[in-house]
């Protein structure tokens, strides 16, 4: 029974108990300080200090806020949609997206733990109340009886509590871009056993894939939620630092753990593990109609939920692929740098004559190119 394997569930997931213990600890510390320094304090002063401690504890919990009062269509059109892109025919689990649903909502962070500051949540449990993004155990049997054969294929298991949002889109420019992160309460105890899965399945002109697609796209769809630099899907089993119980330490082996965030230290109020911010980048034909399905679900059972978060306003098209975060910060004067991940090319232009070589590091600090000689003022390097 998976629910019995998570150790100390009630203590680990009790936010009220956590607040009480924190207040009790702070009361003792305040009392000790008063005794040590012989400070004269009235009961009113002590009361105000306790209230302050409580509010500090509450504010830590409130750093991530969420709501699900709007329709699925609203979240896609008003929050997810970005520049140079149009979307239409939005559905949720096979029906119109005009209704609300407990498994879809929005989030906002002020100094919280999620790697994105605001956007949309798709969860295999509820978004508000006892929600996985607040570190809570949630099951909502009957809320989603929807199944998805593509998620079953990725998870290599039957997937429950499925969320599947689909819509058509037309990019104005060549590159589809959006940002996301995936997290789960299955981390880290159920790595390599309960492989909750999600996928972003795109179909349309020029796309062939093994996954399902609308009948107007008979060549199928492909999953674009992939581990950077690979063709492997982002799943619990593919992104982790081993199977262990919180608080750890993590034993490994590292499975793409450069993209993994261990939240064991804040497990009472957060997804126990999640990915870093990741990016979808797909080369398409401008002006053509494509179809996308954003889906997530629980593998094997409906316990210990997972969630995928989508960055607000990031579903957009661009004429050129975006530079990696921070890349332009190292560029001096008139030198320009661009990267084309589709062709695995790094493009440097207008390199001054006094620069004889250059090195390139990826976002994890690994050397991609070291002391590469400059052959001309315009360089193209394979960085695959």
Protein backbone atom coordinates (compact mmCIF):
# COMPACT_ATOMS: atom_id res chain seq x y z
CA UNK A 1 0.00 0.00 0.00
CA UNK A 2 1.70 3.15 -1.23
CA UNK A 3 -0.02 5.41 1.31
CA UNK A 4 1.51 3.39 4.17
CA UNK A 5 5.03 3.71 2.77
CA UNK A 6 5.33 7.45 3.10
CA UNK A 7 6.82 7.78 6.58
CA UNK A 8 5.18 9.91 9.27
CA UNK A 9 2.46 11.13 6.93
CA UNK A 10 0.35 12.96 9.46
CA UNK A 11 3.30 14.75 11.07
CA UNK A 12 5.00 15.44 7.78
CA UNK A 13 1.90 16.90 6.17
CA UNK A 14 0.39 18.77 9.13
CA UNK A 15 0.76 22.47 8.53
CA UNK A 16 -1.22 23.36 11.66
CA UNK A 17 1.07 21.28 13.85
CA UNK A 18 4.09 22.88 12.21
CA UNK A 19 2.80 26.36 13.00
CA UNK A 20 2.10 25.40 16.64
CA UNK A 21 5.55 23.95 17.16
CA UNK A 22 7.16 26.99 15.59
CA UNK A 23 5.23 29.31 17.89
CA UNK A 24 6.11 27.15 20.91
CA UNK A 25 9.80 27.20 20.00
CA UNK A 26 9.82 30.95 19.42
CA UNK A 27 8.04 31.50 22.75
CA UNK A 28 10.74 29.54 24.57
CA UNK A 29 13.49 31.42 22.76
CA UNK A 30 11.93 34.80 23.50
CA UNK A 31 11.57 33.83 27.18
CA UNK A 32 15.21 32.73 27.34
CA UNK A 33 16.40 35.98 25.81
CA UNK A 34 14.34 37.97 28.28
CA UNK A 35 15.80 36.03 31.20
CA UNK A 36 19.38 36.33 29.96
CA UNK A 37 19.34 40.07 29.41
CA UNK A 38 16.99 40.88 32.30
CA UNK A 39 14.71 42.74 29.91
CA UNK A 40 11.54 44.17 31.44
CA UNK A 41 8.66 43.24 29.13
CA UNK A 42 4.97 43.47 29.66
CA UNK A 43 2.55 40.73 28.74
CA UNK A 44 1.28 42.96 25.96
CA UNK A 45 4.77 43.14 24.42
CA UNK A 46 5.14 39.37 24.62
CA UNK A 47 1.73 38.93 23.01
CA UNK A 48 2.72 41.19 20.14
CA UNK A 49 5.94 39.25 19.64
CA UNK A 50 4.02 35.97 19.50
CA UNK A 51 1.62 37.43 16.96
CA UNK A 52 4.61 38.53 14.89
CA UNK A 53 6.09 35.03 15.05
CA UNK A 54 2.77 33.54 13.95
CA UNK A 55 2.45 35.97 11.05
CA UNK A 56 6.02 35.19 9.97
CA UNK A 57 5.14 31.48 9.91
CA UNK A 58 1.92 32.19 8.02
CA UNK A 59 3.73 34.35 5.46
CA UNK A 60 6.16 31.53 4.69
CA UNK A 61 3.18 29.29 3.90
CA UNK A 62 1.55 32.02 1.85
CA UNK A 63 4.47 32.60 -0.49
CA UNK A 64 2.74 30.39 -3.06
CA UNK A 65 -0.92 31.18 -3.69
CA UNK A 66 -3.29 29.44 -6.08
CA UNK A 67 -6.87 29.70 -7.31
CA UNK A 68 -9.14 27.78 -9.71
CA UNK A 69 -12.18 30.01 -10.08
CA UNK A 70 -11.82 30.65 -13.82
CA UNK A 71 -12.58 28.46 -16.81
CA UNK A 72 -9.95 26.36 -18.55
CA UNK A 73 -10.42 28.55 -21.64
CA UNK A 74 -9.66 31.66 -19.57
CA UNK A 75 -6.41 30.20 -18.25
CA UNK A 76 -5.24 29.30 -21.75
CA UNK A 77 -6.29 32.51 -23.51
CA UNK A 78 -5.65 35.08 -20.79
CA UNK A 79 -2.70 33.62 -18.86
CA UNK A 80 -0.80 31.11 -21.01
CA UNK A 81 -1.05 32.75 -24.44
CA UNK A 82 1.89 34.95 -25.40
CA UNK A 83 3.02 36.99 -28.38
CA UNK A 84 2.72 36.16 -32.09
CA UNK A 85 0.40 33.21 -31.49
CA UNK A 86 -3.30 32.48 -31.86
CA UNK A 87 -5.21 29.59 -30.25
CA UNK A 88 -8.72 28.16 -30.69
CA UNK A 89 -10.97 25.14 -30.03
CA UNK A 90 -9.91 24.69 -26.42
CA UNK A 91 -11.13 21.51 -24.71
CA UNK A 92 -10.63 19.90 -21.31
CA UNK A 93 -10.75 16.09 -21.10
CA UNK A 94 -12.68 15.93 -24.35
CA UNK A 95 -15.34 18.56 -23.57
CA UNK A 96 -15.56 22.34 -23.86
CA UNK A 97 -13.04 24.33 -21.88
CA UNK A 98 -15.63 26.90 -20.80
CA UNK A 99 -16.18 25.30 -17.38
CA UNK A 100 -14.05 25.39 -14.23
CA UNK A 101 -12.23 22.33 -12.86
CA UNK A 102 -10.54 21.54 -9.56
CA UNK A 103 -7.42 20.27 -11.35
CA UNK A 104 -6.65 23.44 -13.34
CA UNK A 105 -5.89 26.87 -11.93
CA UNK A 106 -3.37 29.67 -11.64
CA UNK A 107 -0.54 30.34 -9.18
CA UNK A 108 1.45 33.34 -7.98
CA UNK A 109 4.69 33.37 -6.02
CA UNK A 110 6.27 36.00 -3.79
CA UNK A 111 9.62 34.53 -2.78
CA UNK A 112 8.26 30.98 -2.88
CA UNK A 113 9.91 27.75 -3.92
CA UNK A 114 8.55 27.20 -7.43
CA UNK A 115 11.00 27.99 -10.27
CA UNK A 116 8.38 30.07 -12.14
CA UNK A 117 6.86 33.22 -10.65
CA UNK A 118 3.31 32.94 -12.03
CA UNK A 119 1.26 30.94 -14.46
CA UNK A 120 -1.04 27.94 -14.77
CA UNK A 121 -1.17 24.71 -12.75
CA UNK A 122 -2.30 21.35 -14.14
CA UNK A 123 -2.48 18.83 -11.30
CA UNK A 124 -3.47 15.19 -10.91
CA UNK A 125 -5.03 16.40 -7.63
CA UNK A 126 -6.67 19.63 -6.59
CA UNK A 127 -5.05 23.00 -7.21
CA UNK A 128 -6.33 24.78 -4.08
CA UNK A 129 -6.95 23.66 -0.50
CA UNK A 130 -5.19 20.35 0.13
CA UNK A 131 -3.00 20.70 -2.92
CA UNK A 132 0.22 18.97 -3.93
CA UNK A 133 1.87 22.32 -4.63
CA UNK A 134 1.44 23.08 -0.90
CA UNK A 135 2.86 19.68 0.07
CA UNK A 136 -0.50 18.09 0.87
CA UNK A 137 -1.87 14.59 0.21
CA UNK A 138 -4.85 14.85 -2.14
CA UNK A 139 -6.99 12.36 -3.95
CA UNK A 140 -10.08 13.34 -5.87
CA UNK A 141 -11.73 10.06 -6.91
CA UNK A 142 -14.46 10.64 -9.41
CA UNK A 143 -13.23 14.13 -10.29
CA UNK A 144 -11.40 12.81 -13.34
CA UNK A 145 -12.40 9.47 -14.82
CA UNK A 146 -10.66 10.49 -18.02
CA UNK A 147 -7.86 8.29 -19.38
CA UNK A 148 -5.13 8.98 -21.90
CA UNK A 149 -3.36 6.33 -23.97
CA UNK A 150 -0.36 8.58 -24.59
CA UNK A 151 0.31 9.06 -20.87
CA UNK A 152 -0.09 5.29 -20.37
CA UNK A 153 2.62 4.80 -22.98
CA UNK A 154 5.03 7.28 -21.34
CA UNK A 155 4.45 5.95 -17.81
CA UNK A 156 4.37 2.31 -18.91
CA UNK A 157 1.36 1.96 -16.62
CA UNK A 158 -2.32 2.82 -16.32
CA UNK A 159 -2.64 6.52 -15.53
CA UNK A 160 -5.44 7.95 -13.38
CA UNK A 161 -6.80 11.43 -12.51
CA UNK A 162 -5.82 12.68 -15.96
CA UNK A 163 -5.85 16.33 -16.95
CA UNK A 164 -5.76 16.83 -20.73
CA UNK A 165 -6.12 20.31 -22.24
CA UNK A 166 -6.13 20.47 -26.04
CA UNK A 167 -6.30 23.30 -28.54
CA UNK A 168 -5.32 24.35 -32.05
CA UNK A 169 -2.72 27.05 -32.55
CA UNK A 170 -1.21 29.06 -35.39
CA UNK A 171 2.33 30.45 -34.92
CA UNK A 172 3.17 33.73 -36.65
CA UNK A 173 6.88 32.88 -36.61
CA UNK A 174 9.06 29.80 -36.97
CA UNK A 175 9.81 28.82 -33.38
CA UNK A 176 7.27 27.72 -30.78
CA UNK A 177 8.55 28.55 -27.30
CA UNK A 178 7.16 28.16 -23.78
CA UNK A 179 8.47 27.50 -20.25
CA UNK A 180 7.38 24.96 -17.66
CA UNK A 181 8.38 22.83 -14.67
CA UNK A 182 7.19 19.45 -13.40
CA UNK A 183 6.96 18.31 -9.78
CA UNK A 184 5.57 15.46 -7.73
CA UNK A 185 4.84 14.18 -4.24
CA UNK A 186 6.05 10.78 -5.52
CA UNK A 187 9.60 12.15 -5.15
CA UNK A 188 11.90 10.84 -3.80
CA UNK A 189 10.45 7.74 -2.08
CA UNK A 190 8.81 6.28 -5.19
CA UNK A 191 11.43 6.93 -7.85
CA UNK A 192 11.53 3.90 -10.18
CA UNK A 193 8.20 2.59 -8.93
CA UNK A 194 5.40 5.16 -9.38
CA UNK A 195 6.32 6.99 -12.58
CA UNK A 196 3.70 9.75 -12.75
CA UNK A 197 3.90 11.19 -16.23
CA UNK A 198 2.97 14.18 -18.29
CA UNK A 199 3.45 15.17 -21.91
CA UNK A 200 3.07 17.99 -24.41
CA UNK A 201 1.91 16.30 -27.61
CA UNK A 202 2.13 18.34 -30.84
CA UNK A 203 0.70 17.32 -34.20
CA UNK A 204 0.42 19.11 -37.50
CA UNK A 205 2.16 19.73 -40.85
CA UNK A 206 5.53 18.02 -41.08
CA UNK A 207 5.20 16.22 -37.74
CA UNK A 208 5.38 12.45 -37.37
CA UNK A 209 5.17 10.68 -34.05
CA UNK A 210 4.07 7.58 -32.12
CA UNK A 211 1.34 9.29 -30.11
CA UNK A 212 -2.31 9.94 -30.93
CA UNK A 213 -3.50 12.97 -32.90
CA UNK A 214 -6.73 14.41 -34.34
CA UNK A 215 -7.89 12.69 -37.51
CA UNK A 216 -6.83 15.63 -39.68
CA UNK A 217 -3.23 14.82 -38.69
CA UNK A 218 -2.87 11.13 -39.57
CA UNK A 219 0.89 11.03 -38.95
CA UNK A 220 0.41 11.18 -35.19
CA UNK A 221 1.97 13.50 -32.63
CA UNK A 222 5.27 13.80 -30.79
CA UNK A 223 6.02 14.66 -27.18
CA UNK A 224 8.05 17.88 -26.84
CA UNK A 225 8.38 17.73 -23.02
CA UNK A 226 11.88 16.30 -23.23
CA UNK A 227 15.01 16.35 -21.11
CA UNK A 228 17.26 19.06 -22.63
CA UNK A 229 19.63 17.66 -25.22
CA UNK A 230 17.90 14.28 -25.42
CA UNK A 231 14.85 12.49 -26.78
CA UNK A 232 13.84 11.17 -23.33
CA UNK A 233 10.57 12.38 -21.80
CA UNK A 234 10.59 14.32 -18.54
CA UNK A 235 9.31 11.86 -15.92
CA UNK A 236 10.01 10.97 -12.30
CA UNK A 237 12.16 8.00 -13.33
CA UNK A 238 14.15 10.09 -15.81
CA UNK A 239 14.86 13.12 -13.59
CA UNK A 240 15.90 12.35 -10.00
CA UNK A 241 18.80 11.75 -7.63
CA UNK A 242 17.88 8.27 -6.46
CA UNK A 243 15.24 6.58 -4.33
CA UNK A 244 15.31 7.59 -0.65
CA UNK A 245 13.19 8.91 2.17
CA UNK A 246 13.24 12.56 3.17
CA UNK A 247 15.25 14.22 4.61
CA UNK A 248 17.95 12.19 2.85
CA UNK A 249 20.76 12.58 1.96
CA UNK A 250 20.19 11.65 -1.66
CA UNK A 251 22.11 8.45 -2.50
CA UNK A 252 22.00 8.71 -6.28
CA UNK A 253 22.49 7.55 -8.91
CA UNK A 254 22.00 10.87 -10.63
CA UNK A 255 19.45 10.66 -13.42
CA UNK A 256 19.67 14.03 -15.16
CA UNK A 257 19.81 15.48 -11.65
CA UNK A 258 21.20 18.77 -12.95
CA UNK A 259 17.53 19.43 -13.76
CA UNK A 260 16.24 18.16 -10.39
CA UNK A 261 15.31 20.22 -7.30
CA UNK A 262 15.19 18.33 -3.99
CA UNK A 263 12.55 19.92 -1.75
CA UNK A 264 12.91 17.53 1.19
CA UNK A 265 13.86 20.43 3.45
CA UNK A 266 10.46 22.09 2.85
CA UNK A 267 8.43 18.95 2.13
CA UNK A 268 5.63 20.02 4.51
CA UNK A 269 4.73 22.91 2.23
CA UNK A 270 6.03 22.01 -1.23
CA UNK A 271 6.16 19.38 -3.90
CA UNK A 272 8.80 16.99 -2.53
CA UNK A 273 10.79 17.14 -5.77
CA UNK A 274 10.57 18.91 -9.08
CA UNK A 275 12.46 19.97 -12.17
CA UNK A 276 14.20 23.23 -12.78
CA UNK A 277 12.61 25.64 -15.25
CA UNK A 278 12.60 23.92 -18.64
CA UNK A 279 11.81 25.21 -22.12
CA UNK A 280 9.92 23.79 -25.07
CA UNK A 281 11.46 24.89 -28.36
CA UNK A 282 10.00 23.50 -31.56
CA UNK A 283 10.57 24.58 -35.16
CA UNK A 284 7.28 24.89 -37.08
CA UNK A 285 5.91 26.45 -40.25
CA UNK A 286 4.55 29.97 -39.70
CA UNK A 287 0.87 30.43 -40.55
CA UNK A 288 0.01 26.72 -40.44
CA UNK A 289 -2.47 25.18 -37.98
CA UNK A 290 -1.10 22.80 -35.34
CA UNK A 291 -2.66 20.93 -32.44
CA UNK A 292 -1.33 20.47 -28.90
CA UNK A 293 -2.37 18.35 -25.92
CA UNK A 294 -1.06 19.24 -22.44
CA UNK A 295 -1.63 16.20 -20.20
CA UNK A 296 -0.67 14.86 -16.76
CA UNK A 297 -1.84 12.00 -14.53
CA UNK A 298 -1.06 9.61 -11.65
CA UNK A 299 0.56 6.29 -12.57
CA UNK A 300 -0.84 3.07 -11.02
CA UNK A 301 -3.04 4.81 -8.43
CA UNK A 302 -4.56 8.14 -7.39
CA UNK A 303 -2.29 8.77 -4.37
CA UNK A 304 0.56 11.31 -4.09
CA UNK A 305 -0.16 13.79 -6.83
CA UNK A 306 1.96 15.48 -9.46
CA UNK A 307 1.69 18.86 -11.14
CA UNK A 308 3.04 20.70 -14.15
CA UNK A 309 3.26 24.49 -14.07
CA UNK A 310 3.27 26.66 -17.19
CA UNK A 311 4.85 30.10 -17.21
CA UNK A 312 2.43 32.98 -17.67
CA UNK A 313 2.45 34.49 -21.16
CA UNK A 314 5.13 32.12 -22.42
CA UNK A 315 3.22 30.23 -25.14
CA UNK A 316 4.55 32.28 -28.06
CA UNK A 317 6.26 32.14 -31.43
CA UNK A 318 9.57 33.78 -32.31
CA UNK A 319 11.46 34.51 -35.51
CA UNK A 320 14.71 33.42 -33.84
CA UNK A 321 15.20 30.95 -30.99
CA UNK A 322 15.78 32.66 -27.64
CA UNK A 323 19.24 32.91 -26.15
CA UNK A 324 19.85 30.84 -23.04
CA UNK A 325 19.20 32.73 -19.80
CA UNK A 326 22.15 34.95 -18.94
CA UNK A 327 24.04 34.39 -22.19
CA UNK A 328 23.86 38.01 -23.31
CA UNK A 329 25.28 39.18 -19.98
CA UNK A 330 28.80 38.12 -21.00
CA UNK A 331 28.75 39.82 -24.40
CA UNK A 332 30.85 42.96 -24.81
CA UNK A 333 30.58 45.84 -27.26
CA UNK A 334 29.19 44.88 -30.64
CA UNK A 335 29.63 41.09 -30.37
CA UNK A 336 26.35 39.23 -30.79
CA UNK A 337 25.61 35.65 -29.80
CA UNK A 338 22.69 33.44 -30.78
CA UNK A 339 21.98 29.77 -30.41
CA UNK A 340 19.91 27.53 -32.65
CA UNK A 341 19.16 24.37 -30.61
CA UNK A 342 17.32 22.82 -33.53
CA UNK A 343 20.55 22.76 -35.58
CA UNK A 344 22.81 22.53 -32.48
CA UNK A 345 24.61 25.69 -33.60
CA UNK A 346 26.21 28.46 -31.61
CA UNK A 347 26.47 31.62 -33.73
CA UNK A 348 28.91 34.43 -32.85
CA UNK A 349 29.08 37.55 -34.99
CA UNK A 350 31.29 40.66 -35.13
CA UNK A 351 34.14 39.21 -33.06
CA UNK A 352 36.88 41.85 -32.64
CA UNK A 353 40.33 41.05 -34.04
CA UNK A 354 41.97 41.20 -30.59
CA UNK A 355 39.93 38.17 -29.43
CA UNK A 356 41.83 35.04 -30.49
CA UNK A 357 39.83 32.28 -28.77
CA UNK A 358 36.71 31.68 -26.72
CA UNK A 359 35.15 29.10 -24.39
CA UNK A 360 31.51 28.15 -23.87
CA UNK A 361 29.87 26.72 -20.76
CA UNK A 362 26.33 25.38 -20.42
CA UNK A 363 23.89 26.44 -17.69
CA UNK A 364 25.25 23.79 -15.31
CA UNK A 365 28.82 25.09 -15.67
CA UNK A 366 30.02 22.25 -17.89
CA UNK A 367 32.46 23.15 -20.66
CA UNK A 368 30.95 22.80 -24.13
CA UNK A 369 33.82 24.42 -26.05
CA UNK A 370 37.21 25.28 -24.53
CA UNK A 371 39.79 27.72 -25.94
CA UNK A 372 38.35 27.48 -29.43
CA UNK A 373 40.40 29.52 -31.94
CA UNK A 374 38.62 32.32 -33.74
CA UNK A 375 38.85 31.69 -37.49
CA UNK A 376 36.77 34.64 -38.69
CA UNK A 377 34.62 37.46 -37.36
CA UNK A 378 31.56 35.26 -37.84
CA UNK A 379 31.69 31.84 -36.16
CA UNK A 380 29.33 28.89 -36.25
CA UNK A 381 30.09 26.01 -33.90
CA UNK A 382 28.43 22.65 -33.40
CA UNK A 383 27.48 22.45 -29.71
CA UNK A 384 25.49 19.21 -29.81
